[in-house]
Structures are given as C-alpha cells and as structure tokens.
Amino acid sequence: PEFNRLRVSPVCQSLNSFACLDIQWEQTAQDVPHLMFEVRDADSGAPE
C-alpha cells in the first residue's frame, strides 16, 4: 500500500480477498439507511 493521507480505514493485506457492498435502503426501528463496504480474507473469512 502507498501512503494516502485521505485513507480512513485499515488497508486490506490478505493475499486472497473479496469485497461486498451491502445497502440497507429502508429505515427500521433499529437502524437508518446505509451502505456497508466489507472486505474479507477469502481464506479465513475474517473481515479486514
């Protein structure tokens, strides 16, 4: 990874990984609409 002064997350370091976008459109009694960006290690399943 290169230095990036605008980075606001950890950097994914796993050799095998995948990313998902999960969008919750509707407001519920427990949560507001949001987008979740998730990157996981494909070998262990651990979130990065």
All heavy atoms as atom14 arrays in JSON, in Angstrom:
{
  "sequence": "PEFNRLRVSPVCQSLNSFACLDIQWEQTAQDVPHLMFEVRDADSGAPE",
  "atom14_mask": [
    [1, 1, 1, 1, 1, 1, 1, 0, 0, 0, 0, 0, 0, 0],
    [1, 1, 1, 1, 1, 1, 1, 1, 1, 0, 0, 0, 0, 0],
    [1, 1, 1, 1, 1, 1, 1, 1, 1, 1, 1, 0, 0, 0],
    [1, 1, 1, 1, 1, 1, 1, 1, 0, 0, 0, 0, 0, 0],
    [1, 1, 1, 1, 1, 1, 1, 1, 1, 1, 1, 0, 0, 0],
    [1, 1, 1, 1, 1, 1, 1, 1, 0, 0, 0, 0, 0, 0],
    [1, 1, 1, 1, 1, 1, 1, 1, 1, 1, 1, 0, 0, 0],
    [1, 1, 1, 1, 1, 1, 1, 0, 0, 0, 0, 0, 0, 0],
    [1, 1, 1, 1, 1, 1, 0, 0, 0, 0, 0, 0, 0, 0],
    [1, 1, 1, 1, 1, 1, 1, 0, 0, 0, 0, 0, 0, 0],
    [1, 1, 1, 1, 1, 1, 1, 0, 0, 0, 0, 0, 0, 0],
    [1, 1, 1, 1, 1, 1, 0, 0, 0, 0, 0, 0, 0, 0],
    [1, 1, 1, 1, 1, 1, 1, 1, 1, 0, 0, 0, 0, 0],
    [1, 1, 1, 1, 1, 1, 0, 0, 0, 0, 0, 0, 0, 0],
    [1, 1, 1, 1, 1, 1, 1, 1, 0, 0, 0, 0, 0, 0],
    [1, 1, 1, 1, 1, 1, 1, 1, 0, 0, 0, 0, 0, 0],
    [1, 1, 1, 1, 1, 1, 0, 0, 0, 0, 0, 0, 0, 0],
    [1, 1, 1, 1, 1, 1, 1, 1, 1, 1, 1, 0, 0, 0],
    [1, 1, 1, 1, 1, 0, 0, 0, 0, 0, 0, 0, 0, 0],
    [1, 1, 1, 1, 1, 1, 0, 0, 0, 0, 0, 0, 0, 0],
    [1, 1, 1, 1, 1, 1, 1, 1, 0, 0, 0, 0, 0, 0],
    [1, 1, 1, 1, 1, 1, 1, 1, 0, 0, 0, 0, 0, 0],
    [1, 1, 1, 1, 1, 1, 1, 1, 0, 0, 0, 0, 0, 0],
    [1, 1, 1, 1, 1, 1, 1, 1, 1, 0, 0, 0, 0, 0],
    [1, 1, 1, 1, 1, 1, 1, 1, 1, 1, 1, 1, 1, 1],
    [1, 1, 1, 1, 1, 1, 1, 1, 1, 0, 0, 0, 0, 0],
    [1, 1, 1, 1, 1, 1, 1, 1, 1, 0, 0, 0, 0, 0],
    [1, 1, 1, 1, 1, 1, 1, 0, 0, 0, 0, 0, 0, 0],
    [1, 1, 1, 1, 1, 0, 0, 0, 0, 0, 0, 0, 0, 0],
    [1, 1, 1, 1, 1, 1, 1, 1, 1, 0, 0, 0, 0, 0],
    [1, 1, 1, 1, 1, 1, 1, 1, 0, 0, 0, 0, 0, 0],
    [1, 1, 1, 1, 1, 1, 1, 0, 0, 0, 0, 0, 0, 0],
    [1, 1, 1, 1, 1, 1, 1, 0, 0, 0, 0, 0, 0, 0],
    [1, 1, 1, 1, 1, 1, 1, 1, 1, 1, 0, 0, 0, 0],
    [1, 1, 1, 1, 1, 1, 1, 1, 0, 0, 0, 0, 0, 0],
    [1, 1, 1, 1, 1, 1, 1, 1, 0, 0, 0, 0, 0, 0],
    [1, 1, 1, 1, 1, 1, 1, 1, 1, 1, 1, 0, 0, 0],
    [1, 1, 1, 1, 1, 1, 1, 1, 1, 0, 0, 0, 0, 0],
    [1, 1, 1, 1, 1, 1, 1, 0, 0, 0, 0, 0, 0, 0],
    [1, 1, 1, 1, 1, 1, 1, 1, 1, 1, 1, 0, 0, 0],
    [1, 1, 1, 1, 1, 1, 1, 1, 0, 0, 0, 0, 0, 0],
    [1, 1, 1, 1, 1, 0, 0, 0, 0, 0, 0, 0, 0, 0],
    [1, 1, 1, 1, 1, 1, 1, 1, 0, 0, 0, 0, 0, 0],
    [1, 1, 1, 1, 1, 1, 0, 0, 0, 0, 0, 0, 0, 0],
    [1, 1, 1, 1, 0, 0, 0, 0, 0, 0, 0, 0, 0, 0],
    [1, 1, 1, 1, 1, 0, 0, 0, 0, 0, 0, 0, 0, 0],
    [1, 1, 1, 1, 1, 1, 1, 0, 0, 0, 0, 0, 0, 0],
    [1, 1, 1, 1, 1, 1, 1, 1, 1, 0, 0, 0, 0, 0]
  ],
  "atom14_positions": [
    [[0.83, -1.2, 0.0], [0.0, 0.0, 0.0], [0.86, 1.25, 0.0], [1.92, 1.3, 0.63], [-0.8, -0.1, 1.29], [-0.66, -1.49, 1.75], [0.61, -2.03, 1.18], [0.0, 0.0, 0.0], [0.0, 0.0, 0.0], [0.0, 0.0, 0.0], [0.0, 0.0, 0.0], [0.0, 0.0, 0.0], [0.0, 0.0, 0.0], [0.0, 0.0, 0.0]],
    [[0.38, 2.25, -0.7], [1.08, 3.52, -0.74], [0.55, 4.44, 0.35], [-0.56, 4.25, 0.84], [0.88, 4.15, -2.11], [1.45, 3.26, -3.2], [1.17, 3.77, -4.58], [0.02, 3.72, -5.01], [2.12, 4.22, -5.23], [0.0, 0.0, 0.0], [0.0, 0.0, 0.0], [0.0, 0.0, 0.0], [0.0, 0.0, 0.0], [0.0, 0.0, 0.0]],
    [[1.35, 5.4, 0.72], [0.88, 6.39, 1.67], [-0.29, 7.14, 1.05], [-0.25, 7.53, -0.11], [2.0, 7.39, 2.01], [1.52, 8.49, 2.92], [1.36, 8.27, 4.27], [1.2, 9.74, 2.41], [0.89, 9.26, 5.11], [0.74, 10.74, 3.23], [0.59, 10.5, 4.6], [0.0, 0.0, 0.0], [0.0, 0.0, 0.0], [0.0, 0.0, 0.0]],
    [[-1.36, 7.28, 1.82], [-2.53, 8.01, 1.34], [-3.09, 8.8, 2.51], [-3.68, 8.24, 3.42], [-3.58, 7.05, 0.77], [-4.71, 7.78, 0.09], [-4.89, 8.99, 0.25], [-5.49, 7.05, -0.68], [0.0, 0.0, 0.0], [0.0, 0.0, 0.0], [0.0, 0.0, 0.0], [0.0, 0.0, 0.0], [0.0, 0.0, 0.0], [0.0, 0.0, 0.0]],
    [[-2.91, 10.1, 2.48], [-3.34, 10.95, 3.59], [-4.86, 10.99, 3.76], [-5.36, 11.41, 4.8], [-2.78, 12.36, 3.43], [-3.31, 13.1, 2.23], [-2.67, 14.48, 2.06], [-3.12, 15.09, 0.83], [-4.29, 15.69, 0.68], [-5.11, 15.78, 1.69], [-4.63, 16.21, -0.48], [0.0, 0.0, 0.0], [0.0, 0.0, 0.0], [0.0, 0.0, 0.0]],
    [[-5.6, 10.53, 2.75], [-7.06, 10.55, 2.82], [-7.65, 9.2, 3.25], [-8.86, 9.04, 3.32], [-7.65, 10.97, 1.47], [-7.25, 12.38, 1.01], [-7.77, 12.66, -0.38], [-7.74, 13.43, 2.0], [0.0, 0.0, 0.0], [0.0, 0.0, 0.0], [0.0, 0.0, 0.0], [0.0, 0.0, 0.0], [0.0, 0.0, 0.0], [0.0, 0.0, 0.0]],
    [[-6.81, 8.23, 3.55], [-7.27, 6.91, 3.97], [-7.94, 7.01, 5.33], [-7.39, 7.6, 6.26], [-6.08, 5.95, 4.03], [-6.48, 4.52, 4.36], [-5.27, 3.6, 4.41], [-4.65, 3.51, 3.09], [-3.35, 3.67, 2.88], [-2.51, 3.93, 3.87], [-2.86, 3.57, 1.65], [0.0, 0.0, 0.0], [0.0, 0.0, 0.0], [0.0, 0.0, 0.0]],
    [[-9.12, 6.39, 5.46], [-9.87, 6.42, 6.72], [-10.21, 5.0, 7.2], [-11.05, 4.83, 8.09], [-11.15, 7.27, 6.61], [-10.8, 8.74, 6.4], [-12.07, 6.76, 5.51], [0.0, 0.0, 0.0], [0.0, 0.0, 0.0], [0.0, 0.0, 0.0], [0.0, 0.0, 0.0], [0.0, 0.0, 0.0], [0.0, 0.0, 0.0], [0.0, 0.0, 0.0]],
    [[-9.55, 4.01, 6.63], [-9.8, 2.62, 7.01], [-8.46, 1.9, 7.11], [-7.45, 2.4, 6.65], [-10.66, 1.93, 5.94], [-9.88, 1.68, 4.77], [0.0, 0.0, 0.0], [0.0, 0.0, 0.0], [0.0, 0.0, 0.0], [0.0, 0.0, 0.0], [0.0, 0.0, 0.0], [0.0, 0.0, 0.0], [0.0, 0.0, 0.0], [0.0, 0.0, 0.0]],
    [[-8.48, 0.7, 7.66], [-7.29, -0.13, 7.53], [-7.09, -0.47, 6.05], [-8.0, -0.29, 5.24], [-7.64, -1.4, 8.32], [-8.86, -1.09, 9.09], [-9.55, 0.06, 8.41], [0.0, 0.0, 0.0], [0.0, 0.0, 0.0], [0.0, 0.0, 0.0], [0.0, 0.0, 0.0], [0.0, 0.0, 0.0], [0.0, 0.0, 0.0], [0.0, 0.0, 0.0]],
    [[-5.93, -0.99, 5.71], [-5.66, -1.47, 4.36], [-5.78, -2.99, 4.38], [-5.24, -3.65, 5.26], [-4.25, -1.05, 3.9], [-3.92, -1.65, 2.55], [-4.13, 0.46, 3.86], [0.0, 0.0, 0.0], [0.0, 0.0, 0.0], [0.0, 0.0, 0.0], [0.0, 0.0, 0.0], [0.0, 0.0, 0.0], [0.0, 0.0, 0.0], [0.0, 0.0, 0.0]],
    [[-6.49, -3.54, 3.43], [-6.62, -4.99, 3.32], [-5.29, -5.56, 2.87], [-4.75, -5.16, 1.85], [-7.71, -5.33, 2.31], [-7.86, -7.09, 2.01], [0.0, 0.0, 0.0], [0.0, 0.0, 0.0], [0.0, 0.0, 0.0], [0.0, 0.0, 0.0], [0.0, 0.0, 0.0], [0.0, 0.0, 0.0], [0.0, 0.0, 0.0], [0.0, 0.0, 0.0]],
    [[-4.74, -6.48, 3.65], [-3.42, -7.05, 3.39], [-3.44, -8.52, 2.98], [-2.41, -9.09, 2.71], [-2.55, -6.91, 4.64], [-2.24, -5.49, 5.01], [-1.18, -4.87, 4.09], [-0.42, -5.56, 3.44], [-1.15, -3.57, 4.06], [0.0, 0.0, 0.0], [0.0, 0.0, 0.0], [0.0, 0.0, 0.0], [0.0, 0.0, 0.0], [0.0, 0.0, 0.0]],
    [[-4.59, -9.17, 2.94], [-4.62, -10.6, 2.64], [-4.35, -10.86, 1.17], [-4.65, -10.05, 0.31], [-5.97, -11.2, 3.05], [-7.01, -10.59, 2.32], [0.0, 0.0, 0.0], [0.0, 0.0, 0.0], [0.0, 0.0, 0.0], [0.0, 0.0, 0.0], [0.0, 0.0, 0.0], [0.0, 0.0, 0.0], [0.0, 0.0, 0.0], [0.0, 0.0, 0.0]],
    [[-3.76, -12.02, 0.89], [-3.45, -12.39, -0.48], [-4.72, -12.67, -1.28], [-4.85, -12.28, -2.43], [-2.54, -13.63, -0.5], [-2.17, -14.16, -1.88], [-1.42, -13.1, -2.67], [-1.34, -15.42, -1.75], [0.0, 0.0, 0.0], [0.0, 0.0, 0.0], [0.0, 0.0, 0.0], [0.0, 0.0, 0.0], [0.0, 0.0, 0.0], [0.0, 0.0, 0.0]],
    [[-5.67, -13.34, -0.66], [-6.95, -13.67, -1.31], [-8.06, -12.97, -0.55], [-8.29, -13.25, 0.62], [-7.17, -15.18, -1.29], [-6.07, -15.93, -2.0], [-5.81, -15.68, -3.16], [-5.4, -16.82, -1.3], [0.0, 0.0, 0.0], [0.0, 0.0, 0.0], [0.0, 0.0, 0.0], [0.0, 0.0, 0.0], [0.0, 0.0, 0.0], [0.0, 0.0, 0.0]],
    [[-8.74, -12.08, -1.23], [-9.8, -11.32, -0.56], [-10.94, -11.06, -1.52], [-10.81, -11.22, -2.74], [-9.23, -9.99, -0.04], [-8.68, -9.24, -1.1], [0.0, 0.0, 0.0], [0.0, 0.0, 0.0], [0.0, 0.0, 0.0], [0.0, 0.0, 0.0], [0.0, 0.0, 0.0], [0.0, 0.0, 0.0], [0.0, 0.0, 0.0], [0.0, 0.0, 0.0]],
    [[-12.06, -10.65, -0.96], [-13.21, -10.26, -1.77], [-13.92, -9.11, -1.07], [-13.78, -8.93, 0.14], [-14.17, -11.43, -2.03], [-14.82, -11.99, -0.8], [-16.05, -11.52, -0.37], [-14.19, -12.99, -0.05], [-16.65, -12.03, 0.77], [-14.79, -13.51, 1.09], [-16.02, -13.02, 1.5], [0.0, 0.0, 0.0], [0.0, 0.0, 0.0], [0.0, 0.0, 0.0]],
    [[-14.64, -8.33, -1.85], [-15.36, -7.17, -1.31], [-16.84, -7.3, -1.59], [-17.25, -7.87, -2.6], [-14.82, -5.88, -1.93], [0.0, 0.0, 0.0], [0.0, 0.0, 0.0], [0.0, 0.0, 0.0], [0.0, 0.0, 0.0], [0.0, 0.0, 0.0], [0.0, 0.0, 0.0], [0.0, 0.0, 0.0], [0.0, 0.0, 0.0], [0.0, 0.0, 0.0]],
    [[-17.64, -6.76, -0.69], [-19.09, -6.73, -0.84], [-19.6, -5.34, -0.49], [-19.05, -4.67, 0.39], [-19.76, -7.72, 0.12], [-19.34, -9.44, -0.19], [0.0, 0.0, 0.0], [0.0, 0.0, 0.0], [0.0, 0.0, 0.0], [0.0, 0.0, 0.0], [0.0, 0.0, 0.0], [0.0, 0.0, 0.0], [0.0, 0.0, 0.0], [0.0, 0.0, 0.0]],
    [[-20.65, -4.94, -1.16], [-21.41, -3.74, -0.79], [-22.78, -4.2, -0.34], [-23.46, -4.91, -1.09], [-21.58, -2.8, -1.98], [-20.37, -2.04, -2.46], [-20.73, -1.18, -3.67], [-19.81, -1.16, -1.37], [0.0, 0.0, 0.0], [0.0, 0.0, 0.0], [0.0, 0.0, 0.0], [0.0, 0.0, 0.0], [0.0, 0.0, 0.0], [0.0, 0.0, 0.0]],
    [[-23.17, -3.83, 0.84], [-24.49, -4.17, 1.36], [-25.22, -2.86, 1.59], [-24.73, -1.98, 2.31], [-24.34, -4.95, 2.68], [-25.68, -5.39, 3.25], [-26.66, -5.47, 2.48], [-25.74, -5.64, 4.46], [0.0, 0.0, 0.0], [0.0, 0.0, 0.0], [0.0, 0.0, 0.0], [0.0, 0.0, 0.0], [0.0, 0.0, 0.0], [0.0, 0.0, 0.0]],
    [[-26.37, -2.72, 0.96], [-27.13, -1.47, 1.06], [-28.44, -1.74, 1.78], [-29.21, -2.6, 1.36], [-27.4, -0.86, -0.32], [-26.09, -0.63, -1.06], [-28.2, 0.44, -0.19], [-26.25, -0.29, -2.53], [0.0, 0.0, 0.0], [0.0, 0.0, 0.0], [0.0, 0.0, 0.0], [0.0, 0.0, 0.0], [0.0, 0.0, 0.0], [0.0, 0.0, 0.0]],
    [[-28.65, -1.03, 2.87], [-29.95, -1.08, 3.55], [-30.7, 0.17, 3.15], [-30.33, 1.28, 3.54], [-29.77, -1.14, 5.07], [-31.12, -1.16, 5.78], [-31.0, -1.36, 7.27], [-30.16, -2.13, 7.73], [-31.86, -0.69, 8.02], [0.0, 0.0, 0.0], [0.0, 0.0, 0.0], [0.0, 0.0, 0.0], [0.0, 0.0, 0.0], [0.0, 0.0, 0.0]],
    [[-31.75, 0.0, 2.35], [-32.48, 1.14, 1.8], [-33.5, 1.72, 2.77], [-33.73, 2.92, 2.79], [-33.2, 0.73, 0.52], [-32.28, 0.38, -0.6], [-32.0, -0.87, -1.07], [-31.51, 1.29, -1.4], [-31.11, -0.8, -2.11], [-30.79, 0.52, -2.33], [-31.36, 2.67, -1.41], [-29.94, 1.09, -3.27], [-30.51, 3.23, -2.34], [-29.81, 2.44, -3.26]],
    [[-34.14, 0.85, 3.54], [-35.26, 1.27, 4.37], [-34.83, 1.57, 5.8], [-33.98, 0.87, 6.35], [-36.33, 0.17, 4.39], [-36.87, -0.22, 3.02], [-37.58, 0.91, 2.32], [-38.26, 1.71, 3.0], [-37.45, 1.02, 1.08], [0.0, 0.0, 0.0], [0.0, 0.0, 0.0], [0.0, 0.0, 0.0], [0.0, 0.0, 0.0], [0.0, 0.0, 0.0]],
    [[-35.44, 2.57, 6.38], [-35.22, 2.83, 7.8], [-36.06, 1.84, 8.6], [-37.2, 1.54, 8.24], [-35.62, 4.26, 8.14], [-35.37, 4.59, 9.6], [-35.29, 6.07, 9.86], [-34.93, 6.84, 8.98], [-35.63, 6.46, 11.07], [0.0, 0.0, 0.0], [0.0, 0.0, 0.0], [0.0, 0.0, 0.0], [0.0, 0.0, 0.0], [0.0, 0.0, 0.0]],
    [[-35.48, 1.34, 9.66], [-36.2, 0.44, 10.56], [-36.25, 1.09, 11.94], [-35.66, 2.15, 12.16], [-35.49, -0.93, 10.66], [-34.24, -0.75, 11.32], [-35.29, -1.55, 9.29], [0.0, 0.0, 0.0], [0.0, 0.0, 0.0], [0.0, 0.0, 0.0], [0.0, 0.0, 0.0], [0.0, 0.0, 0.0], [0.0, 0.0, 0.0], [0.0, 0.0, 0.0]],
    [[-36.88, 0.42, 12.87], [-36.92, 0.92, 14.24], [-35.53, 0.89, 14.86], [-35.27, 1.61, 15.83], [-37.9, 0.09, 15.07], [0.0, 0.0, 0.0], [0.0, 0.0, 0.0], [0.0, 0.0, 0.0], [0.0, 0.0, 0.0], [0.0, 0.0, 0.0], [0.0, 0.0, 0.0], [0.0, 0.0, 0.0], [0.0, 0.0, 0.0], [0.0, 0.0, 0.0]],
    [[-34.63, 0.07, 14.3], [-33.3, -0.08, 14.88], [-32.19, 0.61, 14.09], [-31.09, 0.76, 14.6], [-32.92, -1.57, 14.99], [-33.78, -2.37, 15.92], [-35.1, -2.79, 15.28], [-35.2, -2.94, 14.09], [-36.12, -2.94, 16.11], [0.0, 0.0, 0.0], [0.0, 0.0, 0.0], [0.0, 0.0, 0.0], [0.0, 0.0, 0.0], [0.0, 0.0, 0.0]],
    [[-32.44, 1.0, 12.83], [-31.34, 1.46, 12.0], [-31.8, 2.41, 10.91], [-32.97, 2.43, 10.54], [-30.64, 0.25, 11.36], [-29.16, 0.47, 11.18], [-28.68, 1.6, 11.34], [-28.46, -0.51, 10.86], [0.0, 0.0, 0.0], [0.0, 0.0, 0.0], [0.0, 0.0, 0.0], [0.0, 0.0, 0.0], [0.0, 0.0, 0.0], [0.0, 0.0, 0.0]],
    [[-30.83, 3.16, 10.39], [-31.09, 4.11, 9.3], [-30.54, 3.53, 8.0], [-29.66, 2.65, 8.02], [-30.43, 5.49, 9.58], [-31.04, 6.13, 10.81], [-28.92, 5.37, 9.7], [0.0, 0.0, 0.0], [0.0, 0.0, 0.0], [0.0, 0.0, 0.0], [0.0, 0.0, 0.0], [0.0, 0.0, 0.0], [0.0, 0.0, 0.0], [0.0, 0.0, 0.0]],
    [[-31.01, 4.01, 6.84], [-30.46, 3.54, 5.57], [-28.95, 3.79, 5.5], [-28.47, 4.85, 5.9], [-31.21, 4.38, 4.53], [-32.5, 4.75, 5.2], [-32.14, 4.94, 6.64], [0.0, 0.0, 0.0], [0.0, 0.0, 0.0], [0.0, 0.0, 0.0], [0.0, 0.0, 0.0], [0.0, 0.0, 0.0], [0.0, 0.0, 0.0], [0.0, 0.0, 0.0]],
    [[-28.22, 2.79, 4.98], [-26.76, 2.9, 4.94], [-26.17, 1.98, 3.89], [-26.84, 1.07, 3.39], [-26.15, 2.6, 6.32], [-26.38, 1.2, 6.78], [-27.49, 0.85, 7.5], [-25.65, 0.06, 6.62], [-27.44, -0.44, 7.78], [-26.33, -0.95, 7.25], [0.0, 0.0, 0.0], [0.0, 0.0, 0.0], [0.0, 0.0, 0.0], [0.0, 0.0, 0.0]],
    [[-24.93, 2.22, 3.6], [-24.12, 1.36, 2.73], [-22.99, 0.81, 3.59], [-22.36, 1.56, 4.33], [-23.56, 2.2, 1.58], [-22.6, 1.52, 0.62], [-22.78, 2.12, -0.77], [-21.16, 1.71, 1.05], [0.0, 0.0, 0.0], [0.0, 0.0, 0.0], [0.0, 0.0, 0.0], [0.0, 0.0, 0.0], [0.0, 0.0, 0.0], [0.0, 0.0, 0.0]],
    [[-22.77, -0.5, 3.51], [-21.67, -1.13, 4.24], [-20.69, -1.71, 3.21], [-21.08, -2.5, 2.36], [-22.18, -2.25, 5.15], [-21.08, -2.96, 5.93], [-20.3, -1.94, 7.18], [-21.53, -2.03, 8.47], [0.0, 0.0, 0.0], [0.0, 0.0, 0.0], [0.0, 0.0, 0.0], [0.0, 0.0, 0.0], [0.0, 0.0, 0.0], [0.0, 0.0, 0.0]],
    [[-19.44, -1.27, 3.29], [-18.36, -1.79, 2.45], [-17.59, -2.78, 3.29], [-17.09, -2.44, 4.36], [-17.46, -0.65, 2.0], [-16.28, -1.05, 1.16], [-16.44, -1.71, -0.04], [-14.99, -0.71, 1.56], [-15.34, -2.05, -0.84], [-13.89, -1.03, 0.78], [-14.06, -1.7, -0.42], [0.0, 0.0, 0.0], [0.0, 0.0, 0.0], [0.0, 0.0, 0.0]],
    [[-17.52, -4.0, 2.82], [-16.88, -5.07, 3.59], [-15.85, -5.78, 2.71], [-16.17, -6.18, 1.59], [-17.94, -6.05, 4.06], [-17.45, -7.17, 4.9], [-18.59, -8.03, 5.43], [-19.77, -7.72, 5.2], [-18.27, -9.03, 6.08], [0.0, 0.0, 0.0], [0.0, 0.0, 0.0], [0.0, 0.0, 0.0], [0.0, 0.0, 0.0], [0.0, 0.0, 0.0]],
    [[-14.64, -5.9, 3.22], [-13.6, -6.67, 2.54], [-13.18, -7.77, 3.49], [-12.88, -7.51, 4.66], [-12.39, -5.78, 2.16], [-11.31, -6.61, 1.47], [-12.82, -4.62, 1.28], [0.0, 0.0, 0.0], [0.0, 0.0, 0.0], [0.0, 0.0, 0.0], [0.0, 0.0, 0.0], [0.0, 0.0, 0.0], [0.0, 0.0, 0.0], [0.0, 0.0, 0.0]],
    [[-13.17, -9.01, 2.99], [-12.85, -10.16, 3.82], [-11.7, -10.97, 3.21], [-11.56, -11.05, 2.0], [-14.06, -11.08, 3.97], [-15.13, -10.5, 4.86], [-16.23, -11.52, 5.13], [-17.15, -10.98, 6.11], [-17.06, -11.21, 7.41], [-16.11, -11.97, 7.9], [-17.93, -10.67, 8.24], [0.0, 0.0, 0.0], [0.0, 0.0, 0.0], [0.0, 0.0, 0.0]],
    [[-10.94, -11.57, 4.1], [-9.92, -12.54, 3.7], [-10.67, -13.77, 3.2], [-11.46, -14.36, 3.93], [-9.04, -12.88, 4.91], [-7.94, -13.86, 4.58], [-8.2, -14.88, 3.92], [-6.8, -13.6, 5.01], [0.0, 0.0, 0.0], [0.0, 0.0, 0.0], [0.0, 0.0, 0.0], [0.0, 0.0, 0.0], [0.0, 0.0, 0.0], [0.0, 0.0, 0.0]],
    [[-10.46, -14.14, 1.94], [-11.2, -15.26, 1.35], [-10.79, -16.61, 1.95], [-11.58, -17.56, 1.92], [-11.0, -15.29, -0.16], [0.0, 0.0, 0.0], [0.0, 0.0, 0.0], [0.0, 0.0, 0.0], [0.0, 0.0, 0.0], [0.0, 0.0, 0.0], [0.0, 0.0, 0.0], [0.0, 0.0, 0.0], [0.0, 0.0, 0.0], [0.0, 0.0, 0.0]],
    [[-9.59, -16.7, 2.5], [-9.14, -17.97, 3.07], [-9.7, -18.2, 4.47], [-10.15, -19.29, 4.79], [-7.61, -18.01, 3.1], [-7.02, -17.98, 1.7], [-7.6, -18.61, 0.79], [-6.0, -17.3, 1.51], [0.0, 0.0, 0.0], [0.0, 0.0, 0.0], [0.0, 0.0, 0.0], [0.0, 0.0, 0.0], [0.0, 0.0, 0.0], [0.0, 0.0, 0.0]],
    [[-9.69, -17.17, 5.3], [-10.14, -17.34, 6.68], [-11.55, -16.82, 6.92], [-12.17, -17.16, 7.91], [-9.19, -16.59, 7.63], [-9.34, -15.19, 7.47], [0.0, 0.0, 0.0], [0.0, 0.0, 0.0], [0.0, 0.0, 0.0], [0.0, 0.0, 0.0], [0.0, 0.0, 0.0], [0.0, 0.0, 0.0], [0.0, 0.0, 0.0], [0.0, 0.0, 0.0]],
    [[-12.03, -15.97, 6.02], [-13.34, -15.35, 6.22], [-13.31, -14.15, 7.14], [-14.32, -13.5, 7.37], [0.0, 0.0, 0.0], [0.0, 0.0, 0.0], [0.0, 0.0, 0.0], [0.0, 0.0, 0.0], [0.0, 0.0, 0.0], [0.0, 0.0, 0.0], [0.0, 0.0, 0.0], [0.0, 0.0, 0.0], [0.0, 0.0, 0.0], [0.0, 0.0, 0.0]],
    [[-12.14, -13.84, 7.67], [-12.01, -12.73, 8.63], [-12.23, -11.39, 7.93], [-11.71, -11.16, 6.83], [-10.64, -12.75, 9.28], [0.0, 0.0, 0.0], [0.0, 0.0, 0.0], [0.0, 0.0, 0.0], [0.0, 0.0, 0.0], [0.0, 0.0, 0.0], [0.0, 0.0, 0.0], [0.0, 0.0, 0.0], [0.0, 0.0, 0.0], [0.0, 0.0, 0.0]],
    [[-12.97, -10.5, 8.58], [-13.14, -9.16, 8.0], [-11.85, -8.36, 8.11], [-11.17, -8.39, 9.13], [-14.26, -8.55, 8.84], [-14.21, -9.28, 10.14], [-13.7, -10.66, 9.84], [0.0, 0.0, 0.0], [0.0, 0.0, 0.0], [0.0, 0.0, 0.0], [0.0, 0.0, 0.0], [0.0, 0.0, 0.0], [0.0, 0.0, 0.0], [0.0, 0.0, 0.0]],
    [[-11.51, -7.65, 7.05], [-10.35, -6.77, 7.06], [-10.76, -5.31, 7.02], [-10.07, -4.47, 7.58], [-9.43, -7.11, 5.88], [-8.84, -8.5, 6.02], [-7.52, -8.63, 5.3], [-6.78, -7.65, 5.19], [-7.25, -9.75, 4.85], [0.0, 0.0, 0.0], [0.0, 0.0, 0.0], [0.0, 0.0, 0.0], [0.0, 0.0, 0.0], [0.0, 0.0, 0.0]]
  ]
}
